[in-house]
Amino acid sequence: IPAMAINENINHASFITDGKTLYVGGSGPDNYTKIQDAIDDANDGDTVFVYNGTYYENIVINKSINLIGEDKNTTIIDGSGNKIGIHISGKWVNVSGFKVINCKADFHYEGAGIFLTYSYYSHISNNIIVDNTVDGIRLSHSYYNIISDNEILNNGGEGINIYLSKRNNFTNNYIENNYRGIFMNQGDYNYISNNVIKNCRAGGIQLSLSGHNTVIQNSIIKDDAGIYLYRSYNNDIIGNNILNNRVGVIFFAGEDNFFKNNNFIFNRLHAFFSHAYNNRWIRNYWNNWHLPLPKPIIGEAYFIPLIQFDWMPRLFPYGGEE
C-alpha cells in the first residue's frame, strides 16, 4: 500500500473534541445511569465518558461521537448473552477504554463484541474484548477505520473479522486464543501491522478472496497455519515473525503475492502452496536452511510437484536491516 494511503487512514480517524461531555455512572447529580441513554442524547462531536462499573447493555452508535471508558479493566460492557456488545454504524466514531464480555450467538459470525457496519473513519482502541462466543471485533462494508492497541482474548469466533471492507488499519493489537486471529474475506487495501497473534486454533491470519493488502511486522506464534492465503492476490507479506506454527505460510490459488524479510522459525512446515503462481520470495530467513543458495519452496498443482524459490534467503533472522 502506498504510504499516502496509510497516512490517510491515520489522519482521518482521530478523536473529535469540539462538543460537550456527557457522563455515565459516577456520583455526579446529572450523570446518566445507562450508556445508551447518554448516546441517544448526544450530538455529533460530543463525548460520552463512562465511569468504572458494569453496564448490562447492548450499545448502538449511529452518530459521530467519542465513547470513552474510565479504565479498560474495570469499565465493563456485559452483552447479557446477546449477539453484539457495541454496534457502530456511524462515521467518525471513537471507542476506547472498555472491557466487552458475554456476547453470544449460535454462530460466531452473527455477532461481535464490537461490530462496525458501514462505518467510516472510526477508531477502536485500547479495549479488552474477552470471553465472547462471537467474533471479537467485526467489520462489514467499512472503510478508513483504525483498530489499534486492543486485547482480543478467548473469543469463540475470529479475533478480528473483516468482510467486504477496504483501507482499514489494524495495528498493535494483542490477539490470543480465538478461533482465528485475523480473518479477511473480500477485503482490499488493508494494512495489518505490529500485531501479536498467538494460540489461535484455526490459524493466525487468513486472507480469502482478498487483494492488495499489506501484512507487515506481525508476530504469529503457535497457531495452526501462521498465514493462509486463499484465492488472494497482490498482497505484501513483509517482515513478520512466524514461529512454532503447524504451517508457517500456506496458500491456494493465489497469484502475485510478495514475501520478503519474514522469519520462519521452528514451524513444523515452513511453507506450502497449491495452484499458486507468480509469487515472489526474497530475503526471508528459514531456520532449517543454512546455505548461501536459493531456498526451494515445495508446492503442487493437479498432483504435480512445483517449486518456487527464495532467491536470496537470509542466513540470520531479519532484524530490521535491509
Protein backbone atom coordinates (compact mmCIF):
# COMPACT_ATOMS: atom_id res chain seq x y z
CA ILE A 1 0.00 0.00 0.00
CA PRO A 2 1.43 3.43 -0.79
CA ALA A 3 2.49 5.43 2.25
CA MET A 4 -0.05 8.08 1.31
CA ALA A 5 -2.91 5.60 1.77
CA ILE A 6 -1.67 4.56 5.21
CA ASN A 7 -1.28 8.16 6.40
CA GLU A 8 -4.71 8.99 5.06
CA ASN A 9 -6.24 6.29 7.27
CA ILE A 10 -4.46 7.61 10.35
CA ASN A 11 -5.23 11.26 9.71
CA HIS A 12 -8.92 10.69 9.10
CA ALA A 13 -9.61 8.54 12.17
CA SER A 14 -8.94 10.95 15.04
CA PHE A 15 -10.76 11.99 18.17
CA ILE A 16 -13.43 14.66 17.95
CA THR A 17 -13.19 17.24 20.75
CA ASP A 18 -15.42 20.15 19.79
CA GLY A 19 -18.61 19.10 21.62
CA LYS A 20 -19.89 18.75 25.18
CA THR A 21 -19.21 15.82 27.54
CA LEU A 22 -21.97 13.62 28.97
CA TYR A 23 -21.16 11.44 31.99
CA VAL A 24 -22.40 7.94 32.80
CA GLY A 25 -22.05 6.40 36.27
CA GLY A 26 -20.03 8.05 38.99
CA SER A 27 -21.57 10.38 41.57
CA GLY A 28 -22.49 13.50 39.62
CA PRO A 29 -26.08 14.64 40.20
CA ASP A 30 -26.85 14.87 36.47
CA ASN A 31 -24.94 11.77 35.39
CA TYR A 32 -26.69 9.11 33.35
CA THR A 33 -27.09 5.56 34.63
CA LYS A 34 -27.19 3.95 31.17
CA ILE A 35 -24.68 4.40 28.38
CA GLN A 36 -27.31 4.18 25.66
CA ASP A 37 -29.37 7.00 27.20
CA ALA A 38 -26.34 9.30 27.08
CA ILE A 39 -25.60 8.32 23.47
CA ASP A 40 -29.20 8.97 22.48
CA ASP A 41 -28.97 12.48 23.96
CA ALA A 42 -25.56 13.23 22.43
CA ASN A 43 -24.97 15.17 19.25
CA ASP A 44 -22.24 14.83 16.65
CA GLY A 45 -18.92 15.87 18.19
CA ASP A 46 -19.92 15.09 21.79
CA THR A 47 -18.09 12.80 24.18
CA VAL A 48 -19.77 10.22 26.40
CA PHE A 49 -17.50 9.45 29.34
CA VAL A 50 -18.29 6.28 31.31
CA TYR A 51 -17.08 5.78 34.88
CA ASN A 52 -15.95 2.39 36.18
CA GLY A 53 -18.68 -0.19 36.64
CA THR A 54 -20.50 -3.00 34.87
CA TYR A 55 -23.16 -1.95 32.37
CA TYR A 56 -25.55 -4.63 31.13
CA GLU A 57 -26.28 -3.11 27.75
CA ASN A 58 -26.11 -3.63 24.01
CA ILE A 59 -24.87 -0.30 22.70
CA VAL A 60 -25.83 1.21 19.31
CA ILE A 61 -23.88 4.18 17.94
CA ASN A 62 -25.10 5.86 14.75
CA LYS A 63 -23.64 9.34 15.21
CA SER A 64 -20.15 10.85 15.32
CA ILE A 65 -19.19 10.76 19.00
CA ASN A 66 -16.42 9.68 21.34
CA LEU A 67 -17.33 6.87 23.76
CA ILE A 68 -14.62 6.74 26.42
CA GLY A 69 -14.35 4.39 29.40
CA GLU A 70 -12.53 5.37 32.58
CA ASP A 71 -10.44 2.17 32.72
CA LYS A 72 -10.49 -0.72 30.27
CA ASN A 73 -10.07 -3.25 33.08
CA THR A 74 -12.98 -2.03 35.19
CA THR A 75 -15.36 -0.27 32.78
CA ILE A 76 -17.29 -3.28 31.54
CA ILE A 77 -19.98 -3.67 28.93
CA ASP A 78 -21.72 -7.01 29.54
CA GLY A 79 -23.68 -8.06 26.46
CA SER A 80 -26.03 -10.16 28.62
CA GLY A 81 -25.79 -13.09 26.22
CA ASN A 82 -26.96 -11.07 23.21
CA LYS A 83 -25.12 -11.02 19.89
CA ILE A 84 -23.41 -7.61 19.92
CA GLY A 85 -21.85 -5.55 22.69
CA ILE A 86 -21.22 -2.30 20.77
CA HIS A 87 -22.74 -1.83 17.30
CA ILE A 88 -21.31 1.07 15.31
CA SER A 89 -22.92 2.28 12.10
CA GLY A 90 -21.88 5.91 12.25
CA LYS A 91 -18.90 7.78 10.84
CA TRP A 92 -16.11 9.30 12.93
CA VAL A 93 -16.90 7.16 15.98
CA ASN A 94 -14.18 6.67 18.57
CA VAL A 95 -14.42 3.96 21.24
CA SER A 96 -11.76 3.30 23.87
CA GLY A 97 -11.32 2.19 27.45
CA PHE A 98 -13.84 -0.68 27.74
CA LYS A 99 -13.92 -4.38 28.50
CA VAL A 100 -16.60 -6.10 26.40
CA ILE A 101 -17.78 -9.53 27.60
CA ASN A 102 -20.61 -12.06 27.39
CA CYS A 103 -21.78 -11.62 23.79
CA LYS A 104 -23.18 -14.86 22.41
CA ALA A 105 -24.74 -16.34 19.26
CA ASP A 106 -25.32 -19.77 17.78
CA PHE A 107 -22.80 -18.95 15.03
CA HIS A 108 -19.83 -16.69 15.75
CA TYR A 109 -20.25 -14.62 12.57
CA GLU A 110 -23.70 -13.47 13.70
CA GLY A 111 -22.26 -11.08 16.24
CA ALA A 112 -19.20 -9.50 17.83
CA GLY A 113 -18.02 -7.76 20.92
CA ILE A 114 -17.61 -4.63 18.77
CA PHE A 115 -19.32 -4.65 15.35
CA LEU A 116 -18.77 -1.97 12.71
CA THR A 117 -21.19 -1.91 9.77
CA TYR A 118 -20.97 0.77 7.08
CA SER A 119 -18.69 2.74 9.37
CA TYR A 120 -16.05 5.16 8.12
CA TYR A 121 -13.12 6.95 9.78
CA SER A 122 -13.74 5.37 13.19
CA HIS A 123 -11.09 4.48 15.75
CA ILE A 124 -11.43 1.48 18.10
CA SER A 125 -8.53 1.49 20.54
CA ASN A 126 -7.36 0.39 23.97
CA ASN A 127 -10.21 -2.02 24.68
CA ILE A 128 -10.33 -5.58 26.02
CA ILE A 129 -12.71 -7.91 24.17
CA VAL A 130 -12.74 -11.21 26.04
CA ASP A 131 -14.77 -14.37 26.67
CA ASN A 132 -17.41 -13.96 23.96
CA THR A 133 -18.65 -16.83 21.79
CA VAL A 134 -18.80 -14.47 18.77
CA ASP A 135 -16.05 -12.54 16.96
CA GLY A 136 -14.01 -10.09 18.99
CA ILE A 137 -14.18 -7.19 16.51
CA ARG A 138 -16.01 -7.44 13.19
CA LEU A 139 -16.06 -5.01 10.26
CA SER A 140 -18.57 -5.25 7.42
CA HIS A 141 -18.64 -2.80 4.50
CA SER A 142 -16.44 -0.40 6.47
CA TYR A 143 -13.64 1.86 5.27
CA TYR A 144 -10.77 4.01 6.61
CA ASN A 145 -11.07 2.79 10.20
CA ILE A 146 -8.26 2.20 12.69
CA ILE A 147 -8.35 -0.80 15.05
CA SER A 148 -5.40 -0.41 17.40
CA ASP A 149 -3.98 -1.35 20.80
CA ASN A 150 -6.80 -3.73 21.74
CA GLU A 151 -6.55 -7.01 23.65
CA ILE A 152 -8.74 -9.63 21.98
CA LEU A 153 -8.76 -12.83 24.03
CA ASN A 154 -10.61 -16.13 24.42
CA ASN A 155 -13.39 -15.49 21.91
CA GLY A 156 -15.16 -18.33 20.13
CA GLY A 157 -15.04 -16.58 16.77
CA GLU A 158 -12.37 -14.64 14.92
CA GLY A 159 -10.27 -12.20 16.87
CA ILE A 160 -10.84 -9.65 14.08
CA ASN A 161 -13.24 -10.46 11.22
CA ILE A 162 -13.03 -8.24 8.12
CA TYR A 163 -15.73 -8.59 5.45
CA LEU A 164 -16.03 -6.50 2.29
CA SER A 165 -14.03 -3.72 3.89
CA LYS A 166 -11.22 -1.61 2.48
CA ARG A 167 -8.41 0.72 3.53
CA ASN A 168 -8.56 -0.05 7.23
CA ASN A 169 -5.56 -0.12 9.55
CA PHE A 170 -5.15 -2.91 12.14
CA THR A 171 -2.14 -2.26 14.34
CA ASN A 172 -0.64 -3.09 17.73
CA ASN A 173 -3.40 -5.48 18.80
CA TYR A 174 -2.74 -8.46 21.06
CA ILE A 175 -4.84 -11.40 19.84
CA GLU A 176 -4.74 -14.73 21.66
CA ASN A 177 -6.79 -17.92 21.95
CA ASN A 178 -9.52 -17.13 19.43
CA TYR A 179 -10.78 -19.35 16.60
CA ARG A 180 -8.60 -17.44 14.14
CA GLY A 181 -6.56 -14.35 14.82
CA ILE A 182 -7.49 -12.15 11.84
CA PHE A 183 -9.82 -13.36 9.08
CA MET A 184 -10.38 -11.25 5.98
CA ASN A 185 -12.96 -12.12 3.32
CA GLN A 186 -13.08 -9.95 0.19
CA GLY A 187 -11.07 -7.15 1.72
CA ASP A 188 -8.69 -4.93 -0.24
CA TYR A 189 -6.02 -2.33 0.54
CA ASN A 190 -6.00 -3.01 4.28
CA TYR A 191 -2.89 -2.65 6.45
CA ILE A 192 -2.16 -5.22 9.17
CA SER A 193 0.89 -4.34 11.24
CA ASN A 194 2.65 -4.95 14.54
CA ASN A 195 0.04 -7.32 15.96
CA VAL A 196 0.83 -10.30 18.17
CA ILE A 197 -1.31 -13.34 17.30
CA LYS A 198 -0.94 -16.46 19.43
CA ASN A 199 -2.61 -19.81 20.04
CA CYS A 200 -5.48 -19.40 17.58
CA ARG A 201 -6.63 -22.89 16.74
CA ALA A 202 -7.67 -22.37 13.09
CA GLY A 203 -4.87 -20.02 12.10
CA GLY A 204 -3.15 -16.70 12.66
CA ILE A 205 -4.01 -14.52 9.65
CA GLN A 206 -6.19 -15.68 6.73
CA LEU A 207 -6.84 -13.65 3.60
CA SER A 208 -9.63 -15.07 1.44
CA LEU A 209 -10.52 -13.59 -1.96
CA SER A 210 -8.58 -10.50 -0.95
CA GLY A 211 -6.01 -8.36 -2.70
CA HIS A 212 -3.54 -5.51 -2.34
CA ASN A 213 -3.25 -5.87 1.43
CA THR A 214 -0.07 -5.35 3.46
CA VAL A 215 0.77 -7.74 6.32
CA ILE A 216 3.88 -6.35 7.98
CA GLN A 217 5.89 -6.85 11.18
CA ASN A 218 3.42 -9.11 12.96
CA SER A 219 4.38 -11.91 15.35
CA ILE A 220 2.39 -15.05 14.60
CA ILE A 221 3.06 -17.76 17.13
CA LYS A 222 1.74 -21.25 17.86
CA ASP A 223 -1.24 -21.10 15.52
CA ASP A 224 -2.43 -23.80 13.14
CA ALA A 225 -1.38 -22.01 9.96
CA GLY A 226 0.54 -18.82 10.55
CA ILE A 227 -0.63 -17.10 7.36
CA TYR A 228 -3.16 -18.68 4.96
CA LEU A 229 -3.99 -17.12 1.60
CA TYR A 230 -6.98 -18.45 -0.32
CA ARG A 231 -7.50 -17.15 -3.85
CA SER A 232 -5.80 -13.93 -2.86
CA TYR A 233 -3.51 -11.80 -4.99
CA ASN A 234 -1.04 -8.91 -4.92
CA ASN A 235 -0.59 -9.00 -1.15
CA ASP A 236 2.67 -7.97 0.51
CA ILE A 237 3.82 -10.20 3.40
CA ILE A 238 6.83 -8.43 4.87
CA GLY A 239 8.95 -8.61 8.00
CA ASN A 240 6.78 -10.97 10.04
CA ASN A 241 7.97 -13.36 12.72
CA ILE A 242 6.28 -16.70 12.01
CA LEU A 243 7.16 -19.11 14.79
CA ASN A 244 6.16 -22.54 16.07
CA ASN A 245 3.09 -22.98 13.86
CA ARG A 246 1.96 -26.20 12.23
CA VAL A 247 2.49 -24.49 8.85
CA GLY A 248 4.16 -21.11 8.55
CA VAL A 249 2.56 -19.96 5.27
CA ILE A 250 0.11 -21.89 3.11
CA PHE A 251 -1.80 -20.62 0.10
CA PHE A 252 -4.16 -21.94 -2.53
CA ALA A 253 -4.71 -20.46 -5.99
CA GLY A 254 -3.15 -17.10 -5.18
CA GLU A 255 -1.03 -15.07 -7.56
CA ASP A 256 1.48 -12.24 -7.42
CA ASN A 257 1.95 -12.24 -3.66
CA PHE A 258 5.26 -10.95 -2.33
CA PHE A 259 7.10 -12.45 0.66
CA LYS A 260 10.13 -10.54 1.95
CA ASN A 261 12.13 -10.35 5.18
CA ASN A 262 9.97 -12.82 7.08
CA ASN A 263 11.47 -15.06 9.77
CA PHE A 264 10.32 -18.69 9.52
CA ILE A 265 11.40 -20.32 12.77
CA PHE A 266 10.54 -23.78 14.16
CA ASN A 267 7.35 -24.29 12.17
CA ARG A 268 6.55 -27.92 11.51
CA LEU A 269 6.39 -26.99 7.81
CA HIS A 270 7.55 -23.53 6.83
CA ALA A 271 5.62 -23.03 3.57
CA PHE A 272 3.43 -24.86 1.07
CA PHE A 273 1.38 -23.75 -1.96
CA SER A 274 -1.18 -25.31 -4.27
CA HIS A 275 -2.28 -23.98 -7.67
CA ALA A 276 -0.49 -20.72 -6.90
CA TYR A 277 1.67 -18.97 -9.46
CA ASN A 278 3.92 -15.94 -9.91
CA ASN A 279 4.51 -15.45 -6.21
CA ARG A 280 7.84 -13.91 -5.21
CA TRP A 281 10.05 -14.82 -2.27
CA ILE A 282 13.18 -12.90 -1.35
CA ARG A 283 15.39 -12.33 1.70
CA ASN A 284 13.36 -14.46 4.10
CA TYR A 285 15.04 -16.34 6.94
CA TRP A 286 14.43 -20.09 7.22
CA ASN A 287 15.83 -21.66 10.36
CA ASN A 288 16.44 -25.01 8.60
CA TRP A 289 18.31 -23.53 5.59
CA HIS A 290 21.97 -22.67 6.06
CA LEU A 291 23.31 -22.44 2.51
CA PRO A 292 24.03 -19.24 0.53
CA LEU A 293 21.91 -20.66 -2.28
CA PRO A 294 18.27 -20.26 -3.39
CA LYS A 295 15.86 -21.94 -0.96
CA PRO A 296 13.33 -24.23 -2.68
CA ILE A 297 9.69 -23.98 -1.61
CA ILE A 298 7.63 -27.03 -2.49
CA GLY A 299 4.07 -26.95 -3.79
CA GLU A 300 1.81 -28.71 -6.25
CA ALA A 301 -0.84 -28.30 -8.94
CA TYR A 302 -3.04 -31.19 -10.09
CA PHE A 303 -0.83 -33.51 -8.01
CA ILE A 304 2.22 -32.43 -9.99
CA PRO A 305 5.04 -31.12 -7.78
CA LEU A 306 6.02 -27.49 -8.28
CA ILE A 307 8.89 -25.46 -6.90
CA GLN A 308 9.25 -21.78 -6.17
CA PHE A 309 12.43 -20.24 -4.79
CA ASP A 310 13.51 -17.71 -2.26
CA TRP A 311 16.33 -16.45 -4.43
CA MET A 312 18.30 -14.70 -1.67
CA PRO A 313 17.48 -16.36 1.65
CA ARG A 314 18.91 -14.88 4.81
CA LEU A 315 21.36 -16.86 6.87
CA PHE A 316 20.40 -14.98 10.05
CA PRO A 317 16.99 -13.74 11.25
CA TYR A 318 15.78 -10.44 9.91
CA GLY A 319 16.03 -7.66 12.44
CA GLY A 320 15.16 -4.51 10.53
CA GLU A 321 18.18 -4.23 8.29
CA GLU A 322 17.93 -4.33 4.51
